[in-house]
Amino acid sequence: MNQSILFNDDLKYDKQKACWLFTGLLSGELITIEIAGQNQQIDNDLKFNLEALVEDWLEDNEPEENTITL
């Protein structure tokens, strides 16, 4: 399934969950994305890589809730 997602520019690291958090609009719905990882400096490469992971996941999956956890 090819889905179009618009990512918001709100990427942050949650130390308690040990994951990256950001939001996006998918089919008009606000979704939260949680991706496990280590804290590092936020740069364009990191943003691109995390967004690419989500896009790849959406090729084969459809979120059942308003949160995607990878």
PDB file of N, CA and C in Angstrom:
ATOM      1  N   MET A   1       0.856  -1.166   0.000  1.00  0.00           N
ATOM      2  CA  MET A   1       0.000   0.000   0.000  1.00  0.00           C
ATOM      3  C   MET A   1       0.904   1.232   0.000  1.00  0.00           C
ATOM      4  N   ASN A   2       0.657   2.155  -0.882  1.00  0.00           N
ATOM      5  CA  ASN A   2       1.445   3.380  -0.949  1.00  0.00           C
ATOM      6  C   ASN A   2       0.645   4.504  -0.302  1.00  0.00           C
ATOM      7  N   GLN A   3       1.087   4.936   0.850  1.00  0.00           N
ATOM      8  CA  GLN A   3       0.375   5.974   1.575  1.00  0.00           C
ATOM      9  C   GLN A   3       1.189   7.247   1.572  1.00  0.00           C
ATOM     10  N   SER A   4       0.501   8.351   1.527  1.00  0.00           N
ATOM     11  CA  SER A   4       1.176   9.642   1.579  1.00  0.00           C
ATOM     12  C   SER A   4       1.121  10.157   3.011  1.00  0.00           C
ATOM     13  N   ILE A   5       2.275  10.495   3.543  1.00  0.00           N
ATOM     14  CA  ILE A   5       2.346  11.015   4.901  1.00  0.00           C
ATOM     15  C   ILE A   5       3.102  12.332   4.872  1.00  0.00           C
ATOM     16  N   LEU A   6       2.604  13.290   5.614  1.00  0.00           N
ATOM     17  CA  LEU A   6       3.278  14.579   5.770  1.00  0.00           C
ATOM     18  C   LEU A   6       3.836  14.635   7.182  1.00  0.00           C
ATOM     19  N   PHE A   7       5.143  14.761   7.298  1.00  0.00           N
ATOM     20  CA  PHE A   7       5.784  14.791   8.606  1.00  0.00           C
ATOM     21  C   PHE A   7       5.846  16.217   9.132  1.00  0.00           C
ATOM     22  N   ASN A   8       5.567  16.365  10.421  1.00  0.00           N
ATOM     23  CA  ASN A   8       5.717  17.652  11.086  1.00  0.00           C
ATOM     24  C   ASN A   8       7.171  17.806  11.529  1.00  0.00           C
ATOM     25  N   ASP A   9       7.600  19.028  11.717  1.00  0.00           N
ATOM     26  CA  ASP A   9       8.977  19.304  12.116  1.00  0.00           C
ATOM     27  C   ASP A   9       9.058  19.405  13.640  1.00  0.00           C
ATOM     28  N   ASP A  10       8.744  18.289  14.310  1.00  0.00           N
ATOM     29  CA  ASP A  10       8.717  18.291  15.780  1.00  0.00           C
ATOM     30  C   ASP A  10       9.494  17.111  16.367  1.00  0.00           C
ATOM     31  N   LEU A  11      10.513  16.675  15.682  1.00  0.00           N
ATOM     32  CA  LEU A  11      11.325  15.545  16.126  1.00  0.00           C
ATOM     33  C   LEU A  11      12.000  15.853  17.463  1.00  0.00           C
ATOM     34  N   LYS A  12      11.859  14.922  18.402  1.00  0.00           N
ATOM     35  CA  LYS A  12      12.523  15.071  19.701  1.00  0.00           C
ATOM     36  C   LYS A  12      12.841  13.682  20.235  1.00  0.00           C
ATOM     37  N   TYR A  13      13.771  13.645  21.175  1.00  0.00           N
ATOM     38  CA  TYR A  13      14.138  12.381  21.803  1.00  0.00           C
ATOM     39  C   TYR A  13      13.508  12.311  23.184  1.00  0.00           C
ATOM     40  N   ASP A  14      12.831  11.208  23.483  1.00  0.00           N
ATOM     41  CA  ASP A  14      12.207  10.981  24.785  1.00  0.00           C
ATOM     42  C   ASP A  14      13.112  10.051  25.576  1.00  0.00           C
ATOM     43  N   LYS A  15      13.792  10.587  26.586  1.00  0.00           N
ATOM     44  CA  LYS A  15      14.741   9.795  27.377  1.00  0.00           C
ATOM     45  C   LYS A  15      14.052   8.681  28.156  1.00  0.00           C
ATOM     46  N   GLN A  16      12.849   8.925  28.654  1.00  0.00           N
ATOM     47  CA  GLN A  16      12.138   7.910  29.438  1.00  0.00           C
ATOM     48  C   GLN A  16      11.780   6.689  28.591  1.00  0.00           C
ATOM     49  N   LYS A  17      11.352   6.921  27.365  1.00  0.00           N
ATOM     50  CA  LYS A  17      10.986   5.825  26.470  1.00  0.00           C
ATOM     51  C   LYS A  17      12.169   5.334  25.644  1.00  0.00           C
ATOM     52  N   ALA A  18      13.272   6.076  25.648  1.00  0.00           N
ATOM     53  CA  ALA A  18      14.455   5.770  24.834  1.00  0.00           C
ATOM     54  C   ALA A  18      14.079   5.634  23.365  1.00  0.00           C
ATOM     55  N   CYS A  19      13.337   6.651  22.878  1.00  0.00           N
ATOM     56  CA  CYS A  19      12.934   6.616  21.471  1.00  0.00           C
ATOM     57  C   CYS A  19      12.771   8.034  20.920  1.00  0.00           C
ATOM     58  N   TRP A  20      12.786   8.101  19.614  1.00  0.00           N
ATOM     59  CA  TRP A  20      12.525   9.345  18.902  1.00  0.00           C
ATOM     60  C   TRP A  20      11.027   9.484  18.729  1.00  0.00           C
ATOM     61  N   LEU A  21      10.511  10.675  18.920  1.00  0.00           N
ATOM     62  CA  LEU A  21       9.088  10.958  18.760  1.00  0.00           C
ATOM     63  C   LEU A  21       8.893  12.092  17.759  1.00  0.00           C
ATOM     64  N   PHE A  22       7.938  11.927  16.866  1.00  0.00           N
ATOM     65  CA  PHE A  22       7.510  13.010  16.001  1.00  0.00           C
ATOM     66  C   PHE A  22       6.120  12.686  15.494  1.00  0.00           C
ATOM     67  N   THR A  23       5.488  13.649  14.861  1.00  0.00           N
ATOM     68  CA  THR A  23       4.118  13.465  14.397  1.00  0.00           C
ATOM     69  C   THR A  23       4.038  13.669  12.895  1.00  0.00           C
ATOM     70  N   GLY A  24       2.912  13.253  12.361  1.00  0.00           N
ATOM     71  CA  GLY A  24       2.667  13.435  10.941  1.00  0.00           C
ATOM     72  C   GLY A  24       1.184  13.355  10.656  1.00  0.00           C
ATOM     73  N   LEU A  25       0.834  13.719   9.453  1.00  0.00           N
ATOM     74  CA  LEU A  25      -0.555  13.621   8.996  1.00  0.00           C
ATOM     75  C   LEU A  25      -0.646  12.489   7.990  1.00  0.00           C
ATOM     76  N   LEU A  26      -1.501  11.534   8.284  1.00  0.00           N
ATOM     77  CA  LEU A  26      -1.717  10.381   7.420  1.00  0.00           C
ATOM     78  C   LEU A  26      -3.200  10.297   7.123  1.00  0.00           C
ATOM     79  N   SER A  27      -3.557  10.478   5.879  1.00  0.00           N
ATOM     80  CA  SER A  27      -4.974  10.462   5.475  1.00  0.00           C
ATOM     81  C   SER A  27      -5.802  11.427   6.312  1.00  0.00           C
ATOM     82  N   GLY A  28      -5.235  12.593   6.610  1.00  0.00           N
ATOM     83  CA  GLY A  28      -5.939  13.622   7.352  1.00  0.00           C
ATOM     84  C   GLY A  28      -5.955  13.438   8.851  1.00  0.00           C
ATOM     85  N   GLU A  29      -5.344  12.355   9.356  1.00  0.00           N
ATOM     86  CA  GLU A  29      -5.309  12.098  10.794  1.00  0.00           C
ATOM     87  C   GLU A  29      -3.929  12.366  11.344  1.00  0.00           C
ATOM     88  N   LEU A  30      -3.885  12.970  12.524  1.00  0.00           N
ATOM     89  CA  LEU A  30      -2.620  13.194  13.202  1.00  0.00           C
ATOM     90  C   LEU A  30      -2.172  11.885  13.833  1.00  0.00           C
ATOM     91  N   ILE A  31      -0.938  11.474  13.528  1.00  0.00           N
ATOM     92  CA  ILE A  31      -0.392  10.269  14.117  1.00  0.00           C
ATOM     93  C   ILE A  31       0.914  10.603  14.834  1.00  0.00           C
ATOM     94  N   THR A  32       1.227   9.810  15.830  1.00  0.00           N
ATOM     95  CA  THR A  32       2.485   9.933  16.550  1.00  0.00           C
ATOM     96  C   THR A  32       3.364   8.762  16.159  1.00  0.00           C
ATOM     97  N   ILE A  33       4.633   9.043  15.923  1.00  0.00           N
ATOM     98  CA  ILE A  33       5.583   8.012  15.531  1.00  0.00           C
ATOM     99  C   ILE A  33       6.625   7.888  16.628  1.00  0.00           C
ATOM    100  N   GLU A  34       6.861   6.653  17.080  1.00  0.00           N
ATOM    101  CA  GLU A  34       7.868   6.353  18.091  1.00  0.00           C
ATOM    102  C   GLU A  34       8.857   5.374  17.483  1.00  0.00           C
ATOM    103  N   ILE A  35      10.131   5.749  17.458  1.00  0.00           N
ATOM    104  CA  ILE A  35      11.158   4.876  16.898  1.00  0.00           C
ATOM    105  C   ILE A  35      12.257   4.698  17.938  1.00  0.00           C
ATOM    106  N   ALA A  36      12.475   3.455  18.363  1.00  0.00           N
ATOM    107  CA  ALA A  36      13.513   3.157  19.345  1.00  0.00           C
ATOM    108  C   ALA A  36      14.870   3.546  18.786  1.00  0.00           C
ATOM    109  N   GLY A  37      15.694   4.124  19.632  1.00  0.00           N
ATOM    110  CA  GLY A  37      17.026   4.508  19.191  1.00  0.00           C
ATOM    111  C   GLY A  37      17.767   5.235  20.286  1.00  0.00           C
ATOM    112  N   GLN A  38      19.003   5.581  19.971  1.00  0.00           N
ATOM    113  CA  GLN A  38      19.841   6.284  20.927  1.00  0.00           C
ATOM    114  C   GLN A  38      19.796   7.775  20.665  1.00  0.00           C
ATOM    115  N   ASN A  39      19.961   8.527  21.733  1.00  0.00           N
ATOM    116  CA  ASN A  39      19.977   9.980  21.626  1.00  0.00           C
ATOM    117  C   ASN A  39      21.217  10.424  20.861  1.00  0.00           C
ATOM    118  N   GLN A  40      21.038  11.290  19.916  1.00  0.00           N
ATOM    119  CA  GLN A  40      22.137  11.868  19.148  1.00  0.00           C
ATOM    120  C   GLN A  40      21.697  13.234  18.655  1.00  0.00           C
ATOM    121  N   GLN A  41      22.614  13.949  18.071  1.00  0.00           N
ATOM    122  CA  GLN A  41      22.296  15.284  17.568  1.00  0.00           C
ATOM    123  C   GLN A  41      21.285  15.180  16.423  1.00  0.00           C
ATOM    124  N   ILE A  42      20.291  16.056  16.461  1.00  0.00           N
ATOM    125  CA  ILE A  42      19.289  16.087  15.399  1.00  0.00           C
ATOM    126  C   ILE A  42      19.874  16.850  14.216  1.00  0.00           C
ATOM    127  N   ASP A  43      19.914  16.176  13.073  1.00  0.00           N
ATOM    128  CA  ASP A  43      20.343  16.827  11.838  1.00  0.00           C
ATOM    129  C   ASP A  43      19.476  16.310  10.692  1.00  0.00           C
ATOM    130  N   ASN A  44      19.692  16.834   9.506  1.00  0.00           N
ATOM    131  CA  ASN A  44      18.862  16.459   8.362  1.00  0.00           C
ATOM    132  C   ASN A  44      18.993  14.978   8.015  1.00  0.00           C
ATOM    133  N   ASP A  45      20.181  14.400   8.199  1.00  0.00           N
ATOM    134  CA  ASP A  45      20.354  12.974   7.914  1.00  0.00           C
ATOM    135  C   ASP A  45      19.502  12.122   8.842  1.00  0.00           C
ATOM    136  N   LEU A  46      19.503  12.457  10.125  1.00  0.00           N
ATOM    137  CA  LEU A  46      18.693  11.713  11.087  1.00  0.00           C
ATOM    138  C   LEU A  46      17.215  11.821  10.725  1.00  0.00           C
ATOM    139  N   LYS A  47      16.743  13.027  10.464  1.00  0.00           N
ATOM    140  CA  LYS A  47      15.333  13.223  10.098  1.00  0.00           C
ATOM    141  C   LYS A  47      14.978  12.406   8.865  1.00  0.00           C
ATOM    142  N   PHE A  48      15.825  12.469   7.840  1.00  0.00           N
ATOM    143  CA  PHE A  48      15.567  11.746   6.597  1.00  0.00           C
ATOM    144  C   PHE A  48      15.500  10.240   6.855  1.00  0.00           C
ATOM    145  N   ASN A  49      16.450   9.718   7.628  1.00  0.00           N
ATOM    146  CA  ASN A  49      16.488   8.279   7.897  1.00  0.00           C
ATOM    147  C   ASN A  49      15.265   7.808   8.673  1.00  0.00           C
ATOM    148  N   LEU A  50      14.841   8.573   9.675  1.00  0.00           N
ATOM    149  CA  LEU A  50      13.666   8.195  10.452  1.00  0.00           C
ATOM    150  C   LEU A  50      12.396   8.263   9.602  1.00  0.00           C
ATOM    151  N   GLU A  51      12.280   9.305   8.786  1.00  0.00           N
ATOM    152  CA  GLU A  51      11.118   9.425   7.908  1.00  0.00           C
ATOM    153  C   GLU A  51      11.091   8.293   6.883  1.00  0.00           C
ATOM    154  N   ALA A  52      12.251   7.911   6.371  1.00  0.00           N
ATOM    155  CA  ALA A  52      12.328   6.811   5.406  1.00  0.00           C
ATOM    156  C   ALA A  52      11.896   5.493   6.050  1.00  0.00           C
ATOM    157  N   LEU A  53      12.270   5.274   7.306  1.00  0.00           N
ATOM    158  CA  LEU A  53      11.832   4.068   8.021  1.00  0.00           C
ATOM    159  C   LEU A  53      10.308   3.990   8.093  1.00  0.00           C
ATOM    160  N   VAL A  54       9.692   5.119   8.400  1.00  0.00           N
ATOM    161  CA  VAL A  54       8.231   5.157   8.501  1.00  0.00           C
ATOM    162  C   VAL A  54       7.594   4.914   7.133  1.00  0.00           C
ATOM    163  N   GLU A  55       8.117   5.559   6.103  1.00  0.00           N
ATOM    164  CA  GLU A  55       7.562   5.368   4.760  1.00  0.00           C
ATOM    165  C   GLU A  55       7.689   3.915   4.321  1.00  0.00           C
ATOM    166  N   ASP A  56       8.829   3.287   4.605  1.00  0.00           N
ATOM    167  CA  ASP A  56       9.004   1.871   4.267  1.00  0.00           C
ATOM    168  C   ASP A  56       8.014   0.998   5.027  1.00  0.00           C
ATOM    169  N   TRP A  57       7.817   1.301   6.311  1.00  0.00           N
ATOM    170  CA  TRP A  57       6.870   0.538   7.119  1.00  0.00           C
ATOM    171  C   TRP A  57       5.454   0.663   6.553  1.00  0.00           C
ATOM    172  N   LEU A  58       5.092   1.869   6.129  1.00  0.00           N
ATOM    173  CA  LEU A  58       3.747   2.102   5.599  1.00  0.00           C
ATOM    174  C   LEU A  58       3.511   1.412   4.260  1.00  0.00           C
ATOM    175  N   GLU A  59       4.567   1.055   3.559  1.00  0.00           N
ATOM    176  CA  GLU A  59       4.405   0.322   2.300  1.00  0.00           C
ATOM    177  C   GLU A  59       3.753  -1.038   2.524  1.00  0.00           C
ATOM    178  N   ASP A  60       4.021  -1.643   3.698  1.00  0.00           N
ATOM    179  CA  ASP A  60       3.530  -2.989   3.985  1.00  0.00           C
ATOM    180  C   ASP A  60       2.523  -3.058   5.121  1.00  0.00           C
ATOM    181  N   ASN A  61       2.317  -1.950   5.803  1.00  0.00           N
ATOM    182  CA  ASN A  61       1.460  -1.955   7.000  1.00  0.00           C
ATOM    183  C   ASN A  61       0.522  -0.759   6.989  1.00  0.00           C
ATOM    184  N   GLU A  62      -0.499  -0.883   7.799  1.00  0.00           N
ATOM    185  CA  GLU A  62      -1.426   0.225   8.014  1.00  0.00           C
ATOM    186  C   GLU A  62      -1.597   0.391   9.518  1.00  0.00           C
ATOM    187  N   PRO A  63      -1.432   1.601  10.017  1.00  0.00           N
ATOM    188  CA  PRO A  63      -1.561   1.780  11.470  1.00  0.00           C
ATOM    189  C   PRO A  63      -2.980   1.477  11.938  1.00  0.00           C
ATOM    190  N   GLU A  64      -3.066   0.762  13.064  1.00  0.00           N
ATOM    191  CA  GLU A  64      -4.376   0.439  13.628  1.00  0.00           C
ATOM    192  C   GLU A  64      -4.833   1.486  14.625  1.00  0.00           C
ATOM    193  N   GLU A  65      -3.885   2.254  15.137  1.00  0.00           N
ATOM    194  CA  GLU A  65      -4.189   3.319  16.085  1.00  0.00           C
ATOM    195  C   GLU A  65      -3.515   4.577  15.589  1.00  0.00           C
ATOM    196  N   ASN A  66      -3.503   5.602  16.397  1.00  0.00           N
ATOM    197  CA  ASN A  66      -2.864   6.864  16.003  1.00  0.00           C
ATOM    198  C   ASN A  66      -1.395   6.913  16.363  1.00  0.00           C
ATOM    199  N   THR A  67      -0.805   5.733  16.643  1.00  0.00           N
ATOM    200  CA  THR A  67       0.604   5.664  16.974  1.00  0.00           C
ATOM    201  C   THR A  67       1.263   4.560  16.161  1.00  0.00           C
ATOM    202  N   ILE A  68       2.413   4.898  15.576  1.00  0.00           N
ATOM    203  CA  ILE A  68       3.238   3.896  14.898  1.00  0.00           C
ATOM    204  C   ILE A  68       4.465   3.713  15.778  1.00  0.00           C
ATOM    205  N   THR A  69       4.735   2.482  16.179  1.00  0.00           N
ATOM    206  CA  THR A  69       5.893   2.187  17.018  1.00  0.00           C
ATOM    207  C   THR A  69       6.815   1.254  16.257  1.00  0.00           C
ATOM    208  N   LEU A  70       8.036   1.721  16.044  1.00  0.00           N
ATOM    209  CA  LEU A  70       9.016   0.912  15.313  1.00  0.00           C
ATOM    210  C   LEU A  70      10.233   0.671  16.188  1.00  0.00           C
TER     211      LEU A  70
END
